[in-house]
């Protein structure tokens, strides 16, 4: 039972991190393109990459989180 619980916790944490990465990229896009976050749509491309679209602009960001760190860094490709 302990293995199943650990697996479920890992899956939950990974899902939260993926959501956090998309949110971090969305915030960065909004700031860089002077576009309200409410007008930015996020498409997950896989491998830590996200496509942001809003205010007539599109950009791709790659996000990483160093192992064991709660910090997410997203860079514009």
Protein backbone atom coordinates (compact mmCIF):
# COMPACT_ATOMS: atom_id res chain seq x y z
CA UNK A 1 0.00 0.00 0.00
CA UNK A 2 2.88 2.38 0.71
CA UNK A 3 4.16 2.16 -2.89
CA UNK A 4 0.78 3.07 -4.31
CA UNK A 5 0.46 6.05 -1.98
CA UNK A 6 3.95 7.29 -2.92
CA UNK A 7 3.09 6.93 -6.62
CA UNK A 8 -0.12 8.92 -6.19
CA UNK A 9 1.73 11.66 -4.32
CA UNK A 10 4.36 11.79 -7.08
CA UNK A 11 1.71 12.03 -9.80
CA UNK A 12 -0.06 14.83 -7.91
CA UNK A 13 3.19 16.75 -7.42
CA UNK A 14 4.14 16.34 -11.08
CA UNK A 15 0.72 17.59 -12.20
CA UNK A 16 1.01 20.63 -9.93
CA UNK A 17 4.49 21.39 -11.29
CA UNK A 18 3.28 21.20 -14.89
CA UNK A 19 0.46 23.62 -14.07
CA UNK A 20 2.91 25.90 -12.31
CA UNK A 21 5.24 25.92 -15.31
CA UNK A 22 2.43 26.95 -17.66
CA UNK A 23 1.35 29.64 -15.22
CA UNK A 24 4.91 30.99 -14.92
CA UNK A 25 5.28 31.12 -18.71
CA UNK A 26 1.88 32.83 -19.02
CA UNK A 27 2.88 35.51 -16.51
CA UNK A 28 6.17 36.10 -18.30
CA UNK A 29 4.48 36.36 -21.72
CA UNK A 30 1.94 38.83 -20.35
CA UNK A 31 4.71 41.00 -18.94
CA UNK A 32 6.96 40.81 -22.02
CA UNK A 33 4.17 41.52 -24.51
CA UNK A 34 2.14 43.94 -22.35
CA UNK A 35 -0.86 41.65 -22.66
CA UNK A 36 -3.33 40.99 -19.81
CA UNK A 37 -3.01 37.40 -18.54
CA UNK A 38 -6.77 36.99 -19.02
CA UNK A 39 -6.18 37.30 -22.79
CA UNK A 40 -3.31 34.78 -22.95
CA UNK A 41 -4.00 31.19 -23.95
CA UNK A 42 -1.55 28.41 -23.06
CA UNK A 43 -0.87 25.29 -25.12
CA UNK A 44 1.33 22.61 -23.56
CA UNK A 45 3.70 21.27 -26.22
CA UNK A 46 5.48 18.69 -24.05
CA UNK A 47 9.01 18.49 -22.74
CA UNK A 48 8.53 21.63 -20.66
CA UNK A 49 7.58 23.73 -23.72
CA UNK A 50 4.50 25.96 -23.85
CA UNK A 51 3.04 28.10 -26.63
CA UNK A 52 1.51 31.40 -25.50
CA UNK A 53 -0.92 33.31 -27.68
CA UNK A 54 -2.51 36.64 -26.89
CA UNK A 55 -2.90 40.23 -28.04
CA UNK A 56 -1.96 39.28 -31.61
CA UNK A 57 1.36 37.72 -30.53
CA UNK A 58 2.62 34.13 -30.21
CA UNK A 59 5.73 32.90 -28.41
CA UNK A 60 7.13 29.60 -27.17
CA UNK A 61 8.72 29.20 -23.75
CA UNK A 62 10.67 26.30 -22.31
CA UNK A 63 10.32 25.85 -18.55
CA UNK A 64 12.53 23.93 -16.16
CA UNK A 65 12.56 23.26 -12.45
CA UNK A 66 15.86 22.08 -11.00
CA UNK A 67 15.50 18.77 -9.17
CA UNK A 68 14.42 19.32 -5.60
CA UNK A 69 13.70 23.02 -6.17
CA UNK A 70 10.26 24.66 -6.07
CA UNK A 71 11.56 27.38 -8.43
CA UNK A 72 10.41 27.33 -12.06
CA UNK A 73 12.36 29.16 -14.76
CA UNK A 74 10.89 29.82 -18.21
CA UNK A 75 12.92 31.14 -21.14
CA UNK A 76 11.65 32.50 -24.43
CA UNK A 77 12.76 30.36 -27.37
